[in-house]
Amino acid sequence: MAIDFLDRSDIIEECYEFLLGYAAQGLPTDEGSAAGREVRTRLQQAREALIGLGESCERAVVDQQLEPIGHYDGFRSTLARDVQDSLACIDLVLAQSALSSQLIDNLNASIHLRSLLTDLFLFGEVLRARTVAVEGQ
């Protein structure tokens, strides 16, 4: 469903926005602050949203009857790679005993995470445009 994909995208985007603010705080660790307590939760939520994102995209393509299907197959392959790479980066960060602002800033700068976000923005816009077109008929 398009809604599932968009909901997952929102969770990931909100996490990224939170991480930007966290990185700007200059914290040496995630211990002892409200933002520090929240950073692991946000990363875990994003991780959970990433798992199954490719399948959610595939369901959205079928449910929305997006054509030509070959173009969407290629995109789904790109999305799958970007999800896998982003999960690896997030898992590496979550495995650390302390999450400094600098570590989170480096995660934010990761080309893998940025590619994923671009995928989400791109396909999200396709879905929103499709919804507007269908509602206008």
N, C-alpha and C. Protein backbone atom coordinates (compact mmCIF):
# COMPACT_ATOMS: atom_id res chain seq x y z
N MET A 1 0.83 -1.18 0.00
CA MET A 1 0.00 0.00 0.00
C MET A 1 0.87 1.25 0.00
N ALA A 2 0.41 2.25 -0.66
CA ALA A 2 1.13 3.52 -0.70
C ALA A 2 1.22 4.13 0.70
N ILE A 3 0.18 3.96 1.50
CA ILE A 3 0.17 4.53 2.85
C ILE A 3 1.28 3.92 3.69
N ASP A 4 1.47 2.63 3.62
CA ASP A 4 2.52 1.97 4.39
C ASP A 4 3.89 2.51 4.00
N PHE A 5 4.14 2.64 2.71
CA PHE A 5 5.43 3.18 2.26
C PHE A 5 5.62 4.60 2.78
N LEU A 6 4.61 5.42 2.67
CA LEU A 6 4.70 6.81 3.11
C LEU A 6 4.87 6.90 4.63
N ASP A 7 4.20 6.03 5.37
CA ASP A 7 4.36 6.02 6.83
C ASP A 7 5.79 5.63 7.22
N ARG A 8 6.32 4.62 6.57
CA ARG A 8 7.70 4.21 6.83
C ARG A 8 8.66 5.35 6.48
N SER A 9 8.41 5.99 5.37
CA SER A 9 9.26 7.12 4.95
C SER A 9 9.23 8.22 5.98
N ASP A 10 8.06 8.53 6.50
CA ASP A 10 7.94 9.58 7.52
C ASP A 10 8.78 9.26 8.75
N ILE A 11 8.75 8.02 9.20
CA ILE A 11 9.53 7.61 10.37
C ILE A 11 11.02 7.82 10.11
N ILE A 12 11.48 7.42 8.94
CA ILE A 12 12.90 7.54 8.60
C ILE A 12 13.29 9.01 8.46
N GLU A 13 12.46 9.80 7.80
CA GLU A 13 12.75 11.23 7.65
C GLU A 13 12.74 11.96 8.99
N GLU A 14 11.80 11.63 9.85
CA GLU A 14 11.75 12.25 11.17
C GLU A 14 12.97 11.89 12.00
N CYS A 15 13.43 10.66 11.87
CA CYS A 15 14.65 10.25 12.55
C CYS A 15 15.83 11.08 12.06
N TYR A 16 15.95 11.22 10.76
CA TYR A 16 17.05 11.99 10.19
C TYR A 16 17.02 13.43 10.70
N GLU A 17 15.85 14.04 10.72
CA GLU A 17 15.72 15.41 11.21
C GLU A 17 16.13 15.50 12.69
N PHE A 18 15.72 14.53 13.48
CA PHE A 18 16.12 14.50 14.89
C PHE A 18 17.64 14.37 14.99
N LEU A 19 18.21 13.51 14.17
CA LEU A 19 19.66 13.30 14.21
C LEU A 19 20.43 14.57 13.85
N LEU A 20 19.89 15.36 12.95
CA LEU A 20 20.54 16.62 12.61
C LEU A 20 20.63 17.52 13.84
N GLY A 21 19.54 17.61 14.58
CA GLY A 21 19.54 18.41 15.80
C GLY A 21 20.46 17.85 16.86
N TYR A 22 20.47 16.52 16.98
CA TYR A 22 21.34 15.86 17.97
C TYR A 22 22.81 16.13 17.65
N ALA A 23 23.14 16.04 16.38
CA ALA A 23 24.53 16.26 15.96
C ALA A 23 24.99 17.68 16.28
N ALA A 24 24.09 18.62 16.21
CA ALA A 24 24.44 20.03 16.45
C ALA A 24 24.67 20.34 17.93
N GLN A 25 24.31 19.43 18.82
CA GLN A 25 24.41 19.71 20.25
C GLN A 25 25.82 19.52 20.82
N GLY A 26 26.69 18.85 20.10
CA GLY A 26 28.06 18.68 20.57
C GLY A 26 28.18 17.77 21.79
N LEU A 27 27.31 16.80 21.90
CA LEU A 27 27.32 15.89 23.06
C LEU A 27 28.40 14.82 22.91
N PRO A 28 29.13 14.54 23.98
CA PRO A 28 30.16 13.49 23.91
C PRO A 28 29.58 12.09 24.02
N THR A 29 28.36 11.98 24.53
CA THR A 29 27.72 10.68 24.73
C THR A 29 26.21 10.87 24.73
N ASP A 30 25.50 9.77 24.61
CA ASP A 30 24.04 9.83 24.66
C ASP A 30 23.51 9.71 26.08
N GLU A 31 24.38 9.61 27.05
CA GLU A 31 23.96 9.49 28.45
C GLU A 31 23.76 10.86 29.08
N GLY A 32 22.70 10.96 29.89
CA GLY A 32 22.51 12.16 30.69
C GLY A 32 21.72 13.30 30.07
N SER A 33 21.11 13.09 28.92
CA SER A 33 20.30 14.16 28.32
C SER A 33 19.04 13.55 27.70
N ALA A 34 18.02 14.38 27.59
CA ALA A 34 16.77 13.91 26.97
C ALA A 34 17.01 13.49 25.51
N ALA A 35 17.79 14.29 24.80
CA ALA A 35 18.10 13.95 23.40
C ALA A 35 18.89 12.64 23.32
N GLY A 36 19.78 12.46 24.26
CA GLY A 36 20.57 11.23 24.30
C GLY A 36 19.71 10.00 24.54
N ARG A 37 18.72 10.15 25.39
CA ARG A 37 17.80 9.02 25.64
C ARG A 37 16.97 8.72 24.40
N GLU A 38 16.67 9.75 23.64
CA GLU A 38 15.79 9.58 22.48
C GLU A 38 16.53 9.10 21.22
N VAL A 39 17.82 9.36 21.13
CA VAL A 39 18.53 9.07 19.89
C VAL A 39 18.50 7.58 19.55
N ARG A 40 18.72 6.72 20.52
CA ARG A 40 18.68 5.28 20.24
C ARG A 40 17.27 4.82 19.84
N THR A 41 16.27 5.39 20.50
CA THR A 41 14.89 5.04 20.16
C THR A 41 14.58 5.43 18.72
N ARG A 42 14.96 6.62 18.33
CA ARG A 42 14.71 7.08 16.95
C ARG A 42 15.44 6.20 15.93
N LEU A 43 16.68 5.86 16.23
CA LEU A 43 17.44 5.00 15.32
C LEU A 43 16.80 3.62 15.21
N GLN A 44 16.34 3.08 16.32
CA GLN A 44 15.69 1.77 16.30
C GLN A 44 14.39 1.83 15.52
N GLN A 45 13.63 2.90 15.67
CA GLN A 45 12.39 3.06 14.90
C GLN A 45 12.68 3.14 13.40
N ALA A 46 13.72 3.88 13.04
CA ALA A 46 14.10 3.98 11.63
C ALA A 46 14.53 2.62 11.11
N ARG A 47 15.28 1.89 11.92
CA ARG A 47 15.73 0.55 11.53
C ARG A 47 14.53 -0.35 11.24
N GLU A 48 13.55 -0.32 12.14
CA GLU A 48 12.34 -1.14 11.95
C GLU A 48 11.57 -0.71 10.70
N ALA A 49 11.52 0.58 10.42
CA ALA A 49 10.83 1.07 9.23
C ALA A 49 11.56 0.64 7.96
N LEU A 50 12.87 0.51 8.03
CA LEU A 50 13.64 0.09 6.86
C LEU A 50 13.40 -1.38 6.52
N ILE A 51 13.23 -2.19 7.55
CA ILE A 51 13.00 -3.62 7.32
C ILE A 51 11.61 -3.78 6.70
N GLY A 52 11.56 -4.26 5.49
CA GLY A 52 10.30 -4.41 4.77
C GLY A 52 9.97 -3.23 3.87
N LEU A 53 10.83 -2.22 3.82
CA LEU A 53 10.55 -1.05 2.98
C LEU A 53 10.49 -1.43 1.50
N GLY A 54 11.38 -2.30 1.07
CA GLY A 54 11.38 -2.74 -0.33
C GLY A 54 10.08 -3.43 -0.71
N GLU A 55 9.60 -4.30 0.18
CA GLU A 55 8.33 -4.99 -0.06
C GLU A 55 7.17 -4.00 -0.06
N SER A 56 7.25 -3.01 0.82
CA SER A 56 6.22 -1.97 0.87
C SER A 56 6.19 -1.19 -0.44
N CYS A 57 7.35 -0.90 -0.98
CA CYS A 57 7.44 -0.21 -2.27
C CYS A 57 6.80 -1.07 -3.37
N GLU A 58 7.13 -2.35 -3.36
CA GLU A 58 6.58 -3.26 -4.37
C GLU A 58 5.05 -3.31 -4.29
N ARG A 59 4.52 -3.39 -3.08
CA ARG A 59 3.05 -3.40 -2.91
C ARG A 59 2.44 -2.10 -3.40
N ALA A 60 3.10 -0.99 -3.15
CA ALA A 60 2.58 0.31 -3.60
C ALA A 60 2.54 0.37 -5.12
N VAL A 61 3.57 -0.14 -5.78
CA VAL A 61 3.60 -0.15 -7.24
C VAL A 61 2.43 -0.95 -7.79
N VAL A 62 2.20 -2.13 -7.21
CA VAL A 62 1.11 -2.99 -7.68
C VAL A 62 -0.24 -2.36 -7.35
N ASP A 63 -0.41 -1.92 -6.10
CA ASP A 63 -1.69 -1.36 -5.68
C ASP A 63 -2.06 -0.10 -6.46
N GLN A 64 -1.06 0.71 -6.77
CA GLN A 64 -1.31 1.96 -7.50
C GLN A 64 -1.30 1.75 -9.01
N GLN A 65 -1.01 0.52 -9.45
CA GLN A 65 -0.98 0.15 -10.87
C GLN A 65 -0.04 1.08 -11.65
N LEU A 66 1.16 1.25 -11.11
CA LEU A 66 2.14 2.13 -11.74
C LEU A 66 2.77 1.45 -12.94
N GLU A 67 2.86 2.18 -14.02
CA GLU A 67 3.38 1.67 -15.29
C GLU A 67 4.38 2.65 -15.88
N PRO A 68 5.29 2.21 -16.71
CA PRO A 68 5.62 0.83 -17.05
C PRO A 68 6.39 0.16 -15.91
N ILE A 69 6.01 -1.05 -15.62
CA ILE A 69 6.49 -1.78 -14.46
C ILE A 69 8.02 -1.92 -14.46
N GLY A 70 8.63 -2.01 -15.62
CA GLY A 70 10.09 -2.16 -15.71
C GLY A 70 10.85 -1.02 -15.07
N HIS A 71 10.33 0.18 -15.17
CA HIS A 71 10.99 1.33 -14.55
C HIS A 71 10.94 1.21 -13.03
N TYR A 72 9.87 0.69 -12.53
CA TYR A 72 9.72 0.54 -11.09
C TYR A 72 10.55 -0.62 -10.57
N ASP A 73 10.72 -1.66 -11.38
CA ASP A 73 11.60 -2.78 -10.99
C ASP A 73 13.02 -2.28 -10.77
N GLY A 74 13.51 -1.46 -11.69
CA GLY A 74 14.85 -0.90 -11.56
C GLY A 74 14.99 -0.04 -10.32
N PHE A 75 13.99 0.76 -10.05
CA PHE A 75 14.02 1.61 -8.86
C PHE A 75 14.02 0.76 -7.59
N ARG A 76 13.20 -0.28 -7.57
CA ARG A 76 13.14 -1.14 -6.38
C ARG A 76 14.48 -1.80 -6.11
N SER A 77 15.22 -2.12 -7.15
CA SER A 77 16.57 -2.67 -6.96
C SER A 77 17.49 -1.65 -6.32
N THR A 78 17.40 -0.41 -6.77
CA THR A 78 18.19 0.67 -6.18
C THR A 78 17.80 0.88 -4.72
N LEU A 79 16.50 0.91 -4.46
CA LEU A 79 16.01 1.09 -3.10
C LEU A 79 16.51 -0.04 -2.19
N ALA A 80 16.46 -1.27 -2.68
CA ALA A 80 16.91 -2.42 -1.87
C ALA A 80 18.38 -2.27 -1.48
N ARG A 81 19.22 -1.84 -2.40
CA ARG A 81 20.64 -1.62 -2.09
C ARG A 81 20.81 -0.51 -1.06
N ASP A 82 20.08 0.57 -1.26
CA ASP A 82 20.20 1.70 -0.33
C ASP A 82 19.68 1.35 1.06
N VAL A 83 18.62 0.56 1.13
CA VAL A 83 18.11 0.10 2.42
C VAL A 83 19.16 -0.77 3.11
N GLN A 84 19.72 -1.71 2.38
CA GLN A 84 20.73 -2.61 2.96
C GLN A 84 21.94 -1.82 3.47
N ASP A 85 22.42 -0.87 2.68
CA ASP A 85 23.57 -0.07 3.08
C ASP A 85 23.25 0.81 4.29
N SER A 86 22.06 1.39 4.31
CA SER A 86 21.66 2.24 5.43
C SER A 86 21.49 1.42 6.71
N LEU A 87 20.92 0.23 6.59
CA LEU A 87 20.80 -0.64 7.75
C LEU A 87 22.17 -0.98 8.33
N ALA A 88 23.13 -1.25 7.47
CA ALA A 88 24.47 -1.57 7.94
C ALA A 88 25.06 -0.39 8.72
N CYS A 89 24.86 0.81 8.25
CA CYS A 89 25.37 2.00 8.94
C CYS A 89 24.65 2.22 10.27
N ILE A 90 23.34 2.09 10.27
CA ILE A 90 22.57 2.27 11.50
C ILE A 90 22.94 1.21 12.52
N ASP A 91 23.08 -0.03 12.08
CA ASP A 91 23.46 -1.11 12.99
C ASP A 91 24.84 -0.86 13.60
N LEU A 92 25.76 -0.36 12.81
CA LEU A 92 27.09 -0.03 13.32
C LEU A 92 26.99 1.02 14.42
N VAL A 93 26.20 2.05 14.19
CA VAL A 93 26.04 3.12 15.18
C VAL A 93 25.36 2.57 16.45
N LEU A 94 24.29 1.80 16.28
CA LEU A 94 23.59 1.26 17.44
C LEU A 94 24.45 0.32 18.27
N ALA A 95 25.45 -0.27 17.68
CA ALA A 95 26.34 -1.19 18.39
C ALA A 95 27.33 -0.47 19.31
N GLN A 96 27.42 0.84 19.18
CA GLN A 96 28.38 1.60 19.99
C GLN A 96 27.83 1.84 21.39
N SER A 97 28.71 1.83 22.36
CA SER A 97 28.28 2.04 23.75
C SER A 97 27.93 3.50 24.01
N ALA A 98 28.51 4.43 23.27
CA ALA A 98 28.21 5.85 23.43
C ALA A 98 27.95 6.46 22.06
N LEU A 99 26.88 7.24 21.98
CA LEU A 99 26.53 7.90 20.72
C LEU A 99 26.81 9.39 20.86
N SER A 100 27.97 9.78 20.40
CA SER A 100 28.34 11.19 20.45
C SER A 100 27.67 11.95 19.30
N SER A 101 27.61 13.25 19.46
CA SER A 101 27.09 14.07 18.37
C SER A 101 27.93 13.92 17.12
N GLN A 102 29.24 13.76 17.30
CA GLN A 102 30.13 13.60 16.14
C GLN A 102 29.84 12.30 15.39
N LEU A 103 29.61 11.23 16.13
CA LEU A 103 29.26 9.95 15.49
C LEU A 103 27.97 10.09 14.70
N ILE A 104 26.97 10.73 15.29
CA ILE A 104 25.69 10.92 14.61
C ILE A 104 25.85 11.84 13.41
N ASP A 105 26.70 12.85 13.54
CA ASP A 105 26.96 13.75 12.41
C ASP A 105 27.57 12.96 11.24
N ASN A 106 28.46 12.04 11.55
CA ASN A 106 29.06 11.21 10.50
C ASN A 106 28.02 10.29 9.86
N LEU A 107 27.10 9.77 10.66
CA LEU A 107 26.02 8.96 10.09
C LEU A 107 25.16 9.82 9.16
N ASN A 108 24.83 11.02 9.61
CA ASN A 108 24.03 11.93 8.78
C ASN A 108 24.72 12.22 7.45
N ALA A 109 26.03 12.31 7.47
CA ALA A 109 26.79 12.63 6.26
C ALA A 109 26.98 11.43 5.34
N SER A 110 26.65 10.25 5.82
CA SER A 110 26.84 9.03 5.05
C SER A 110 26.09 9.11 3.71
N ILE A 111 26.80 8.84 2.66
CA ILE A 111 26.19 8.85 1.33
C ILE A 111 25.10 7.79 1.23
N HIS A 112 25.24 6.73 2.01
CA HIS A 112 24.24 5.66 1.97
C HIS A 112 22.90 6.16 2.51
N LEU A 113 22.95 6.84 3.64
CA LEU A 113 21.73 7.37 4.23
C LEU A 113 21.13 8.47 3.34
N ARG A 114 21.98 9.29 2.77
CA ARG A 114 21.49 10.36 1.89
C ARG A 114 20.85 9.79 0.63
N SER A 115 21.44 8.74 0.09
CA SER A 115 20.84 8.09 -1.09
C SER A 115 19.47 7.53 -0.74
N LEU A 116 19.36 6.91 0.42
CA LEU A 116 18.08 6.37 0.85
C LEU A 116 17.05 7.47 0.97
N LEU A 117 17.42 8.58 1.61
CA LEU A 117 16.48 9.69 1.76
C LEU A 117 16.02 10.22 0.41
N THR A 118 16.94 10.31 -0.53
CA THR A 118 16.57 10.76 -1.88
C THR A 118 15.60 9.78 -2.53
N ASP A 119 15.82 8.48 -2.33
CA ASP A 119 14.87 7.48 -2.83
C ASP A 119 13.49 7.71 -2.25
N LEU A 120 13.44 7.96 -0.94
CA LEU A 120 12.15 8.16 -0.26
C LEU A 120 11.44 9.40 -0.79
N PHE A 121 12.19 10.48 -0.96
CA PHE A 121 11.60 11.72 -1.49
C PHE A 121 11.08 11.49 -2.92
N LEU A 122 11.87 10.82 -3.72
CA LEU A 122 11.51 10.59 -5.12
C LEU A 122 10.26 9.73 -5.24
N PHE A 123 10.27 8.56 -4.62
CA PHE A 123 9.13 7.66 -4.75
C PHE A 123 7.91 8.21 -4.01
N GLY A 124 8.13 8.89 -2.91
CA GLY A 124 7.02 9.52 -2.19
C GLY A 124 6.30 10.52 -3.08
N GLU A 125 7.08 11.28 -3.82
CA GLU A 125 6.47 12.26 -4.73
C GLU A 125 5.71 11.57 -5.86
N VAL A 126 6.24 10.47 -6.36
CA VAL A 126 5.53 9.68 -7.38
C VAL A 126 4.19 9.23 -6.84
N LEU A 127 4.19 8.71 -5.61
CA LEU A 127 2.94 8.22 -5.02
C LEU A 127 1.95 9.36 -4.78
N ARG A 128 2.45 10.49 -4.29
CA ARG A 128 1.55 11.62 -4.03
C ARG A 128 0.97 12.15 -5.34
N ALA A 129 1.79 12.24 -6.37
CA ALA A 129 1.31 12.71 -7.68
C ALA A 129 0.28 11.75 -8.25
N ARG A 130 0.52 10.47 -8.07
CA ARG A 130 -0.43 9.44 -8.55
C ARG A 130 -1.76 9.58 -7.82
N THR A 131 -1.71 9.81 -6.53
CA THR A 131 -2.94 9.96 -5.73
C THR A 131 -3.72 11.16 -6.19
N VAL A 132 -3.02 12.28 -6.44
CA VAL A 132 -3.70 13.49 -6.92
C VAL A 132 -4.32 13.24 -8.29
N ALA A 133 -3.60 12.54 -9.17
CA ALA A 133 -4.12 12.25 -10.52
C ALA A 133 -5.35 11.37 -10.46
N VAL A 134 -5.32 10.36 -9.59
CA VAL A 134 -6.47 9.45 -9.48
C VAL A 134 -7.66 10.17 -8.88
N GLU A 135 -7.42 11.01 -7.87
CA GLU A 135 -8.52 11.74 -7.24
C GLU A 135 -9.13 12.76 -8.21
N GLY A 136 -8.33 13.24 -9.14
CA GLY A 136 -8.81 14.23 -10.10
C GLY A 136 -9.63 13.65 -11.23
N GLN A 137 -9.66 12.33 -11.33
CA GLN A 137 -10.41 11.70 -12.43
C GLN A 137 -11.88 11.63 -12.16
